Every structure is written in structure tokens, then in C-alpha cells.
């Protein structure tokens, strides 16, 4: 299963962690994903969303 938001497509990013002595080591940043049950077109679906999409109101949680 991929670490990707179903709405905006935000995924894992990679780059360098830079220490105080300016040593570079590779690292990754993972998105803050949550699984949310929502109703789309009359059917209940479970989507993986980043919390920013959930907060922005792109989908509504099913209660």
C-alpha cells in the first residue's frame, strides 16, 4: 500500500538531514495520512487522506 493521499496525491519526499557540523545524510519525510470512511455517490468508501485535505473539507467523515 502506498503512502499517498487519495485526494491531492501528496506522498513521501526525500532529502538530506543536515547536522550542525554540516554532514549530510539521506532521510525521508512521510505525509500525515489517516484512513477515513466517507460517502461518495451513495457508497461508503475508506480513503487515505492527508490531514490537510480532511481539514480543508474536501470530504466529510461518515458518522
PDB file of N, CA and C in Angstrom:
ATOM      1  N   UNK A   1       0.835  -1.176   0.000  1.00  0.00           N
ATOM      2  CA  UNK A   1       0.000   0.000   0.000  1.00  0.00           C
ATOM      3  C   UNK A   1       0.886   1.247   0.000  1.00  0.00           C
ATOM      4  N   UNK A   2       0.582   2.182  -0.864  1.00  0.00           N
ATOM      5  CA  UNK A   2       1.444   3.357  -0.983  1.00  0.00           C
ATOM      6  C   UNK A   2       1.076   4.408   0.061  1.00  0.00           C
ATOM      7  N   UNK A   3       2.056   5.195   0.399  1.00  0.00           N
ATOM      8  CA  UNK A   3       1.839   6.314   1.311  1.00  0.00           C
ATOM      9  C   UNK A   3       1.526   7.541   0.467  1.00  0.00           C
ATOM     10  N   UNK A   4       0.289   7.617   0.000  1.00  0.00           N
ATOM     11  CA  UNK A   4      -0.109   8.699  -0.891  1.00  0.00           C
ATOM     12  C   UNK A   4      -1.545   9.098  -0.583  1.00  0.00           C
ATOM     13  N   UNK A   5      -1.816  10.392  -0.572  1.00  0.00           N
ATOM     14  CA  UNK A   5      -3.162  10.910  -0.330  1.00  0.00           C
ATOM     15  C   UNK A   5      -4.019  10.647  -1.570  1.00  0.00           C
ATOM     16  N   UNK A   6      -5.240  10.132  -1.359  1.00  0.00           N
ATOM     17  CA  UNK A   6      -6.131   9.834  -2.477  1.00  0.00           C
ATOM     18  C   UNK A   6      -6.710  11.095  -3.108  1.00  0.00           C
ATOM     19  N   UNK A   7      -6.682  12.227  -2.426  1.00  0.00           N
ATOM     20  CA  UNK A   7      -7.262  13.459  -2.951  1.00  0.00           C
ATOM     21  C   UNK A   7      -6.208  14.305  -3.666  1.00  0.00           C
ATOM     22  N   UNK A   8      -5.167  14.707  -2.959  1.00  0.00           N
ATOM     23  CA  UNK A   8      -4.191  15.636  -3.540  1.00  0.00           C
ATOM     24  C   UNK A   8      -2.954  14.954  -4.093  1.00  0.00           C
ATOM     25  N   UNK A   9      -2.720  13.688  -3.731  1.00  0.00           N
ATOM     26  CA  UNK A   9      -1.567  12.978  -4.259  1.00  0.00           C
ATOM     27  C   UNK A   9      -0.280  13.205  -3.499  1.00  0.00           C
ATOM     28  N   UNK A  10      -0.371  13.836  -2.338  1.00  0.00           N
ATOM     29  CA  UNK A  10       0.830  14.078  -1.543  1.00  0.00           C
ATOM     30  C   UNK A  10       1.438  12.752  -1.113  1.00  0.00           C
ATOM     31  N   UNK A  11       2.756  12.611  -1.256  1.00  0.00           N
ATOM     32  CA  UNK A  11       3.422  11.364  -0.940  1.00  0.00           C
ATOM     33  C   UNK A  11       4.717  11.582  -0.182  1.00  0.00           C
ATOM     34  N   UNK A  12       5.517  10.526  -0.083  1.00  0.00           N
ATOM     35  CA  UNK A  12       6.777  10.579   0.629  1.00  0.00           C
ATOM     36  C   UNK A  12       7.784  11.417  -0.143  1.00  0.00           C
ATOM     37  N   UNK A  13       8.495  12.289   0.570  1.00  0.00           N
ATOM     38  CA  UNK A  13       9.551  13.092  -0.036  1.00  0.00           C
ATOM     39  C   UNK A  13      10.874  12.711   0.590  1.00  0.00           C
ATOM     40  N   UNK A  14      11.938  12.875  -0.164  1.00  0.00           N
ATOM     41  CA  UNK A  14      13.258  12.545   0.359  1.00  0.00           C
ATOM     42  C   UNK A  14      14.175  13.740   0.211  1.00  0.00           C
ATOM     43  N   UNK A  15      15.199  13.745   1.041  1.00  0.00           N
ATOM     44  CA  UNK A  15      16.160  14.838   1.004  1.00  0.00           C
ATOM     45  C   UNK A  15      17.291  14.548   1.959  1.00  0.00           C
ATOM     46  N   UNK A  16      17.966  15.591   2.385  1.00  0.00           N
ATOM     47  CA  UNK A  16      19.108  15.449   3.271  1.00  0.00           C
ATOM     48  C   UNK A  16      18.793  15.996   4.650  1.00  0.00           C
ATOM     49  N   UNK A  17      19.253  15.280   5.662  1.00  0.00           N
ATOM     50  CA  UNK A  17      19.266  15.791   7.020  1.00  0.00           C
ATOM     51  C   UNK A  17      20.648  16.400   7.228  1.00  0.00           C
ATOM     52  N   UNK A  18      20.690  17.677   7.623  1.00  0.00           N
ATOM     53  CA  UNK A  18      21.958  18.389   7.736  1.00  0.00           C
ATOM     54  C   UNK A  18      22.244  18.636   9.209  1.00  0.00           C
ATOM     55  N   UNK A  19      23.383  18.132   9.682  1.00  0.00           N
ATOM     56  CA  UNK A  19      23.747  18.285  11.085  1.00  0.00           C
ATOM     57  C   UNK A  19      24.410  19.642  11.316  1.00  0.00           C
ATOM     58  N   UNK A  20      24.699  19.918  12.581  1.00  0.00           N
ATOM     59  CA  UNK A  20      25.346  21.175  12.941  1.00  0.00           C
ATOM     60  C   UNK A  20      26.734  21.279  12.307  1.00  0.00           C
ATOM     61  N   UNK A  21      27.408  20.135  12.144  1.00  0.00           N
ATOM     62  CA  UNK A  21      28.728  20.127  11.506  1.00  0.00           C
ATOM     63  C   UNK A  21      28.623  19.992   9.990  1.00  0.00           C
ATOM     64  N   UNK A  22      27.402  20.159   9.458  1.00  0.00           N
ATOM     65  CA  UNK A  22      27.108  20.187   8.030  1.00  0.00           C
ATOM     66  C   UNK A  22      27.343  18.847   7.349  1.00  0.00           C
ATOM     67  N   UNK A  23      27.211  17.743   8.100  1.00  0.00           N
ATOM     68  CA  UNK A  23      27.224  16.425   7.494  1.00  0.00           C
ATOM     69  C   UNK A  23      25.837  16.141   6.923  1.00  0.00           C
ATOM     70  N   UNK A  24      25.780  15.575   5.720  1.00  0.00           N
ATOM     71  CA  UNK A  24      24.517  15.276   5.054  1.00  0.00           C
ATOM     72  C   UNK A  24      24.249  13.778   5.094  1.00  0.00           C
ATOM     73  N   UNK A  25      23.056  13.405   5.527  1.00  0.00           N
ATOM     74  CA  UNK A  25      22.613  12.020   5.462  1.00  0.00           C
ATOM     75  C   UNK A  25      21.220  12.014   4.858  1.00  0.00           C
ATOM     76  N   UNK A  26      20.915  10.976   4.087  1.00  0.00           N
ATOM     77  CA  UNK A  26      19.624  10.893   3.421  1.00  0.00           C
ATOM     78  C   UNK A  26      18.529  10.565   4.434  1.00  0.00           C
ATOM     79  N   UNK A  27      17.369  11.161   4.233  1.00  0.00           N
ATOM     80  CA  UNK A  27      16.220  10.877   5.082  1.00  0.00           C
ATOM     81  C   UNK A  27      14.944  11.062   4.277  1.00  0.00           C
ATOM     82  N   UNK A  28      13.815  10.651   4.870  1.00  0.00           N
ATOM     83  CA  UNK A  28      12.525  10.787   4.200  1.00  0.00           C
ATOM     84  C   UNK A  28      11.550  11.509   5.112  1.00  0.00           C
ATOM     85  N   UNK A  29      10.626  12.210   4.490  1.00  0.00           N
ATOM     86  CA  UNK A  29       9.521  12.846   5.193  1.00  0.00           C
ATOM     87  C   UNK A  29       8.245  12.167   4.730  1.00  0.00           C
ATOM     88  N   UNK A  30       7.460  11.682   5.682  1.00  0.00           N
ATOM     89  CA  UNK A  30       6.225  10.973   5.347  1.00  0.00           C
ATOM     90  C   UNK A  30       5.027  11.874   5.633  1.00  0.00           C
ATOM     91  N   UNK A  31       4.001  11.834   4.763  1.00  0.00           N
ATOM     92  CA  UNK A  31       2.818  12.658   4.986  1.00  0.00           C
ATOM     93  C   UNK A  31       1.987  12.123   6.147  1.00  0.00           C
ATOM     94  N   UNK A  32       1.234  13.001   6.765  1.00  0.00           N
ATOM     95  CA  UNK A  32       0.368  12.635   7.879  1.00  0.00           C
ATOM     96  C   UNK A  32      -0.954  12.123   7.302  1.00  0.00           C
ATOM     97  N   UNK A  33      -1.054  10.801   7.118  1.00  0.00           N
ATOM     98  CA  UNK A  33      -2.227  10.198   6.488  1.00  0.00           C
ATOM     99  C   UNK A  33      -3.138   9.562   7.521  1.00  0.00           C
ATOM    100  N   UNK A  34      -4.436   9.652   7.281  1.00  0.00           N
ATOM    101  CA  UNK A  34      -5.437   8.997   8.109  1.00  0.00           C
ATOM    102  C   UNK A  34      -6.410   8.268   7.189  1.00  0.00           C
ATOM    103  N   UNK A  35      -6.936   7.151   7.663  1.00  0.00           N
ATOM    104  CA  UNK A  35      -7.963   6.436   6.905  1.00  0.00           C
ATOM    105  C   UNK A  35      -9.327   6.917   7.387  1.00  0.00           C
ATOM    106  N   UNK A  36     -10.140   7.372   6.447  1.00  0.00           N
ATOM    107  CA  UNK A  36     -11.426   7.985   6.770  1.00  0.00           C
ATOM    108  C   UNK A  36     -12.521   7.283   5.991  1.00  0.00           C
ATOM    109  N   UNK A  37     -13.589   6.917   6.677  1.00  0.00           N
ATOM    110  CA  UNK A  37     -14.772   6.404   5.986  1.00  0.00           C
ATOM    111  C   UNK A  37     -15.606   7.589   5.545  1.00  0.00           C
ATOM    112  N   UNK A  38     -15.933   7.607   4.257  1.00  0.00           N
ATOM    113  CA  UNK A  38     -16.713   8.699   3.703  1.00  0.00           C
ATOM    114  C   UNK A  38     -17.726   8.140   2.712  1.00  0.00           C
ATOM    115  N   UNK A  39     -18.724   8.934   2.410  1.00  0.00           N
ATOM    116  CA  UNK A  39     -19.768   8.504   1.474  1.00  0.00           C
ATOM    117  C   UNK A  39     -19.634   9.304   0.191  1.00  0.00           C
ATOM    118  N   UNK A  40     -19.373   8.608  -0.906  1.00  0.00           N
ATOM    119  CA  UNK A  40     -19.226   9.255  -2.214  1.00  0.00           C
ATOM    120  C   UNK A  40     -20.192   8.571  -3.175  1.00  0.00           C
ATOM    121  N   UNK A  41     -21.134   9.333  -3.684  1.00  0.00           N
ATOM    122  CA  UNK A  41     -22.102   8.803  -4.645  1.00  0.00           C
ATOM    123  C   UNK A  41     -23.013   7.738  -4.060  1.00  0.00           C
ATOM    124  N   UNK A  42     -23.298   7.817  -2.769  1.00  0.00           N
ATOM    125  CA  UNK A  42     -24.185   6.860  -2.134  1.00  0.00           C
ATOM    126  C   UNK A  42     -23.511   5.591  -1.652  1.00  0.00           C
ATOM    127  N   UNK A  43     -22.215   5.429  -1.912  1.00  0.00           N
ATOM    128  CA  UNK A  43     -21.494   4.248  -1.441  1.00  0.00           C
ATOM    129  C   UNK A  43     -20.463   4.656  -0.399  1.00  0.00           C
ATOM    130  N   UNK A  44     -20.291   3.820   0.604  1.00  0.00           N
ATOM    131  CA  UNK A  44     -19.316   4.079   1.653  1.00  0.00           C
ATOM    132  C   UNK A  44     -17.950   3.586   1.209  1.00  0.00           C
ATOM    133  N   UNK A  45     -16.966   4.468   1.296  1.00  0.00           N
ATOM    134  CA  UNK A  45     -15.607   4.129   0.897  1.00  0.00           C
ATOM    135  C   UNK A  45     -14.651   4.505   2.015  1.00  0.00           C
ATOM    136  N   UNK A  46     -13.536   3.784   2.108  1.00  0.00           N
ATOM    137  CA  UNK A  46     -12.463   4.142   3.022  1.00  0.00           C
ATOM    138  C   UNK A  46     -11.334   4.735   2.195  1.00  0.00           C
ATOM    139  N   UNK A  47     -11.001   5.989   2.483  1.00  0.00           N
ATOM    140  CA  UNK A  47      -9.967   6.699   1.739  1.00  0.00           C
ATOM    141  C   UNK A  47      -8.790   7.003   2.651  1.00  0.00           C
ATOM    142  N   UNK A  48      -7.609   7.074   2.059  1.00  0.00           N
ATOM    143  CA  UNK A  48      -6.423   7.553   2.764  1.00  0.00           C
ATOM    144  C   UNK A  48      -6.260   9.027   2.428  1.00  0.00           C
ATOM    145  N   UNK A  49      -6.373   9.883   3.425  1.00  0.00           N
ATOM    146  CA  UNK A  49      -6.287  11.319   3.211  1.00  0.00           C
ATOM    147  C   UNK A  49      -5.177  11.901   4.065  1.00  0.00           C
ATOM    148  N   UNK A  50      -4.544  12.955   3.552  1.00  0.00           N
ATOM    149  CA  UNK A  50      -3.664  13.719   4.420  1.00  0.00           C
ATOM    150  C   UNK A  50      -4.558  14.610   5.287  1.00  0.00           C
ATOM    151  N   UNK A  51      -4.068  14.974   6.437  1.00  0.00           N
ATOM    152  CA  UNK A  51      -4.897  15.727   7.379  1.00  0.00           C
ATOM    153  C   UNK A  51      -5.231  17.117   6.855  1.00  0.00           C
ATOM    154  N   UNK A  52      -4.434  17.640   5.953  1.00  0.00           N
ATOM    155  CA  UNK A  52      -4.736  18.955   5.391  1.00  0.00           C
ATOM    156  C   UNK A  52      -5.972  18.893   4.501  1.00  0.00           C
ATOM    157  N   UNK A  53      -6.127  17.816   3.719  1.00  0.00           N
ATOM    158  CA  UNK A  53      -7.321  17.659   2.883  1.00  0.00           C
ATOM    159  C   UNK A  53      -8.554  17.450   3.753  1.00  0.00           C
ATOM    160  N   UNK A  54      -8.388  16.703   4.841  1.00  0.00           N
ATOM    161  CA  UNK A  54      -9.508  16.474   5.740  1.00  0.00           C
ATOM    162  C   UNK A  54      -9.935  17.775   6.405  1.00  0.00           C
ATOM    163  N   UNK A  55      -8.967  18.573   6.824  1.00  0.00           N
ATOM    164  CA  UNK A  55      -9.265  19.847   7.485  1.00  0.00           C
ATOM    165  C   UNK A  55      -9.883  20.847   6.521  1.00  0.00           C
ATOM    166  N   UNK A  56      -9.454  20.811   5.253  1.00  0.00           N
ATOM    167  CA  UNK A  56      -9.945  21.758   4.266  1.00  0.00           C
ATOM    168  C   UNK A  56     -11.367  21.450   3.813  1.00  0.00           C
ATOM    169  N   UNK A  57     -11.879  20.256   4.159  1.00  0.00           N
ATOM    170  CA  UNK A  57     -13.259  19.928   3.860  1.00  0.00           C
ATOM    171  C   UNK A  57     -13.480  19.354   2.481  1.00  0.00           C
ATOM    172  N   UNK A  58     -12.465  18.720   1.890  1.00  0.00           N
ATOM    173  CA  UNK A  58     -12.657  18.099   0.581  1.00  0.00           C
ATOM    174  C   UNK A  58     -13.605  16.914   0.668  1.00  0.00           C
ATOM    175  N   UNK A  59     -13.625  16.216   1.794  1.00  0.00           N
ATOM    176  CA  UNK A  59     -14.587  15.136   2.037  1.00  0.00           C
ATOM    177  C   UNK A  59     -15.142  15.324   3.436  1.00  0.00           C
ATOM    178  N   UNK A  60     -16.289  14.695   3.676  1.00  0.00           N
ATOM    179  CA  UNK A  60     -16.880  14.722   5.017  1.00  0.00           C
ATOM    180  C   UNK A  60     -16.849  13.317   5.591  1.00  0.00           C
ATOM    181  N   UNK A  61     -16.512  13.225   6.863  1.00  0.00           N
ATOM    182  CA  UNK A  61     -16.449  11.929   7.534  1.00  0.00           C
ATOM    183  C   UNK A  61     -17.861  11.376   7.705  1.00  0.00           C
ATOM    184  N   UNK A  62     -17.999  10.080   7.538  1.00  0.00           N
ATOM    185  CA  UNK A  62     -19.279   9.438   7.758  1.00  0.00           C
ATOM    186  C   UNK A  62     -19.388   9.106   9.240  1.00  0.00           C
ATOM    187  N   UNK A  63     -20.497   9.474   9.821  1.00  0.00           N
ATOM    188  CA  UNK A  63     -20.683   9.277  11.265  1.00  0.00           C
ATOM    189  C   UNK A  63     -21.368   7.965  11.560  1.00  0.00           C
TER     190      UNK A  63
END
